[in-house]
Protein backbone atom coordinates (compact mmCIF):
# COMPACT_ATOMS: atom_id res chain seq x y z
CA UNK A 1 0.00 0.00 0.00
CA UNK A 2 1.08 3.55 -0.60
CA UNK A 3 0.27 6.78 1.13
CA UNK A 4 0.33 10.15 -0.60
CA UNK A 5 0.95 13.38 1.32
CA UNK A 6 -1.41 15.56 -0.65
CA UNK A 7 -0.26 18.85 0.82
CA UNK A 8 3.13 18.34 -0.87
CA UNK A 9 1.88 16.79 -4.11
CA UNK A 10 2.57 18.93 -7.19
CA UNK A 11 -0.07 17.03 -9.20
CA UNK A 12 2.29 16.06 -12.00
CA UNK A 13 0.36 12.74 -12.43
CA UNK A 14 3.60 10.88 -13.04
CA UNK A 15 2.63 8.27 -10.47
CA UNK A 16 -0.56 7.38 -12.30
CA UNK A 17 1.22 7.23 -15.64
CA UNK A 18 3.73 4.60 -14.45
CA UNK A 19 1.35 2.45 -12.40
CA UNK A 20 1.03 -0.87 -14.26
CA UNK A 21 -2.28 -1.75 -12.60
CA UNK A 22 -4.00 1.67 -12.59
CA UNK A 23 -4.01 1.85 -8.80
CA UNK A 24 -3.55 5.65 -8.87
CA UNK A 25 -5.61 8.20 -10.77
CA UNK A 26 -6.09 11.95 -10.94
CA UNK A 27 -9.36 12.89 -9.32
CA UNK A 28 -10.12 16.61 -9.32
CA UNK A 29 -7.01 18.25 -7.91
CA UNK A 30 -5.84 15.19 -5.94
CA UNK A 31 -4.31 11.85 -6.66
CA UNK A 32 -6.53 8.96 -5.58
CA UNK A 33 -5.07 5.53 -4.91
CA UNK A 34 -6.74 2.14 -4.68
CA UNK A 35 -4.94 -0.14 -2.19
CA UNK A 36 -6.81 -3.24 -3.37
CA UNK A 37 -5.25 -2.85 -6.85
CA UNK A 38 -1.71 -1.96 -5.72
CA UNK A 39 0.95 -4.62 -6.33
CA UNK A 40 3.68 -2.89 -4.25
CA UNK A 41 5.98 -2.39 -7.25
CA UNK A 42 7.25 0.99 -6.03
CA UNK A 43 7.34 2.65 -9.46
CA UNK A 44 5.22 5.56 -8.23
CA UNK A 45 7.64 6.18 -5.35
CA UNK A 46 10.61 6.26 -7.71
CA UNK A 47 9.05 8.68 -10.18
CA UNK A 48 7.54 11.17 -7.69
CA UNK A 49 9.52 14.43 -7.99
CA UNK A 50 7.91 15.83 -4.82
CA UNK A 51 8.84 12.75 -2.76
CA UNK A 52 5.38 12.52 -1.20
CA UNK A 53 4.61 8.84 -1.82
CA UNK A 54 5.54 6.22 0.77
CA UNK A 55 5.33 2.47 0.10
CA UNK A 56 4.37 -0.02 2.80
CA UNK A 57 4.99 -3.42 1.21
CA UNK A 58 2.43 -6.09 1.99
CA UNK A 59 -0.05 -3.71 3.64
CA UNK A 60 -3.48 -3.85 2.02
CA UNK A 61 -5.73 -2.16 4.60
CA UNK A 62 -5.57 1.32 6.11
CA UNK A 63 -5.99 -0.24 9.56
CA UNK A 64 -2.72 -2.12 9.10
CA UNK A 65 -0.58 0.94 8.41
CA UNK A 66 1.93 1.90 11.12
CA UNK A 67 0.59 4.68 13.38
CA UNK A 68 3.00 7.28 11.98
CA UNK A 69 1.76 6.58 8.43
CA UNK A 70 -1.95 6.98 9.04
CA UNK A 71 -3.39 9.87 7.08
CA UNK A 72 -6.79 10.97 5.98
CA UNK A 73 -8.89 8.26 4.37
CA UNK A 74 -9.49 10.68 1.50
CA UNK A 75 -5.94 9.98 0.33
C-alpha atoms as a PDB file:
ATOM      1  CA  UNK A   1       0.000   0.000   0.000  1.00  0.00           C
ATOM      2  CA  UNK A   2       1.084   3.546  -0.601  1.00  0.00           C
ATOM      3  CA  UNK A   3       0.268   6.775   1.134  1.00  0.00           C
ATOM      4  CA  UNK A   4       0.330  10.147  -0.600  1.00  0.00           C
ATOM      5  CA  UNK A   5       0.953  13.376   1.323  1.00  0.00           C
ATOM      6  CA  UNK A   6      -1.410  15.558  -0.654  1.00  0.00           C
ATOM      7  CA  UNK A   7      -0.256  18.847   0.816  1.00  0.00           C
ATOM      8  CA  UNK A   8       3.131  18.337  -0.867  1.00  0.00           C
ATOM      9  CA  UNK A   9       1.884  16.786  -4.114  1.00  0.00           C
ATOM     10  CA  UNK A  10       2.572  18.928  -7.187  1.00  0.00           C
ATOM     11  CA  UNK A  11      -0.072  17.033  -9.202  1.00  0.00           C
ATOM     12  CA  UNK A  12       2.292  16.059 -11.997  1.00  0.00           C
ATOM     13  CA  UNK A  13       0.361  12.744 -12.429  1.00  0.00           C
ATOM     14  CA  UNK A  14       3.604  10.883 -13.043  1.00  0.00           C
ATOM     15  CA  UNK A  15       2.632   8.271 -10.474  1.00  0.00           C
ATOM     16  CA  UNK A  16      -0.558   7.382 -12.303  1.00  0.00           C
ATOM     17  CA  UNK A  17       1.219   7.233 -15.639  1.00  0.00           C
ATOM     18  CA  UNK A  18       3.727   4.604 -14.452  1.00  0.00           C
ATOM     19  CA  UNK A  19       1.354   2.448 -12.401  1.00  0.00           C
ATOM     20  CA  UNK A  20       1.028  -0.866 -14.258  1.00  0.00           C
ATOM     21  CA  UNK A  21      -2.284  -1.753 -12.596  1.00  0.00           C
ATOM     22  CA  UNK A  22      -3.999   1.674 -12.590  1.00  0.00           C
ATOM     23  CA  UNK A  23      -4.012   1.845  -8.796  1.00  0.00           C
ATOM     24  CA  UNK A  24      -3.549   5.652  -8.871  1.00  0.00           C
ATOM     25  CA  UNK A  25      -5.608   8.198 -10.771  1.00  0.00           C
ATOM     26  CA  UNK A  26      -6.087  11.947 -10.943  1.00  0.00           C
ATOM     27  CA  UNK A  27      -9.356  12.887  -9.318  1.00  0.00           C
ATOM     28  CA  UNK A  28     -10.120  16.609  -9.315  1.00  0.00           C
ATOM     29  CA  UNK A  29      -7.006  18.248  -7.906  1.00  0.00           C
ATOM     30  CA  UNK A  30      -5.836  15.191  -5.941  1.00  0.00           C
ATOM     31  CA  UNK A  31      -4.309  11.845  -6.657  1.00  0.00           C
ATOM     32  CA  UNK A  32      -6.533   8.955  -5.578  1.00  0.00           C
ATOM     33  CA  UNK A  33      -5.074   5.531  -4.910  1.00  0.00           C
ATOM     34  CA  UNK A  34      -6.742   2.137  -4.684  1.00  0.00           C
ATOM     35  CA  UNK A  35      -4.939  -0.139  -2.194  1.00  0.00           C
ATOM     36  CA  UNK A  36      -6.811  -3.237  -3.373  1.00  0.00           C
ATOM     37  CA  UNK A  37      -5.251  -2.848  -6.850  1.00  0.00           C
ATOM     38  CA  UNK A  38      -1.708  -1.965  -5.717  1.00  0.00           C
ATOM     39  CA  UNK A  39       0.952  -4.623  -6.332  1.00  0.00           C
ATOM     40  CA  UNK A  40       3.685  -2.889  -4.252  1.00  0.00           C
ATOM     41  CA  UNK A  41       5.982  -2.391  -7.253  1.00  0.00           C
ATOM     42  CA  UNK A  42       7.248   0.989  -6.030  1.00  0.00           C
ATOM     43  CA  UNK A  43       7.343   2.650  -9.456  1.00  0.00           C
ATOM     44  CA  UNK A  44       5.224   5.556  -8.226  1.00  0.00           C
ATOM     45  CA  UNK A  45       7.644   6.177  -5.352  1.00  0.00           C
ATOM     46  CA  UNK A  46      10.612   6.256  -7.708  1.00  0.00           C
ATOM     47  CA  UNK A  47       9.048   8.683 -10.178  1.00  0.00           C
ATOM     48  CA  UNK A  48       7.541  11.173  -7.694  1.00  0.00           C
ATOM     49  CA  UNK A  49       9.524  14.433  -7.985  1.00  0.00           C
ATOM     50  CA  UNK A  50       7.913  15.828  -4.816  1.00  0.00           C
ATOM     51  CA  UNK A  51       8.843  12.752  -2.764  1.00  0.00           C
ATOM     52  CA  UNK A  52       5.378  12.522  -1.200  1.00  0.00           C
ATOM     53  CA  UNK A  53       4.608   8.836  -1.820  1.00  0.00           C
ATOM     54  CA  UNK A  54       5.539   6.217   0.767  1.00  0.00           C
ATOM     55  CA  UNK A  55       5.334   2.473   0.104  1.00  0.00           C
ATOM     56  CA  UNK A  56       4.370  -0.024   2.796  1.00  0.00           C
ATOM     57  CA  UNK A  57       4.992  -3.424   1.207  1.00  0.00           C
ATOM     58  CA  UNK A  58       2.431  -6.086   1.987  1.00  0.00           C
ATOM     59  CA  UNK A  59      -0.054  -3.710   3.644  1.00  0.00           C
ATOM     60  CA  UNK A  60      -3.481  -3.853   2.021  1.00  0.00           C
ATOM     61  CA  UNK A  61      -5.729  -2.161   4.598  1.00  0.00           C
ATOM     62  CA  UNK A  62      -5.575   1.323   6.113  1.00  0.00           C
ATOM     63  CA  UNK A  63      -5.991  -0.237   9.555  1.00  0.00           C
ATOM     64  CA  UNK A  64      -2.715  -2.124   9.104  1.00  0.00           C
ATOM     65  CA  UNK A  65      -0.575   0.943   8.411  1.00  0.00           C
ATOM     66  CA  UNK A  66       1.934   1.901  11.119  1.00  0.00           C
ATOM     67  CA  UNK A  67       0.586   4.680  13.376  1.00  0.00           C
ATOM     68  CA  UNK A  68       2.999   7.276  11.977  1.00  0.00           C
ATOM     69  CA  UNK A  69       1.755   6.577   8.434  1.00  0.00           C
ATOM     70  CA  UNK A  70      -1.948   6.983   9.044  1.00  0.00           C
ATOM     71  CA  UNK A  71      -3.389   9.870   7.081  1.00  0.00           C
ATOM     72  CA  UNK A  72      -6.789  10.974   5.985  1.00  0.00           C
ATOM     73  CA  UNK A  73      -8.891   8.263   4.373  1.00  0.00           C
ATOM     74  CA  UNK A  74      -9.494  10.677   1.499  1.00  0.00           C
ATOM     75  CA  UNK A  75      -5.935   9.978   0.334  1.00  0.00           C
END
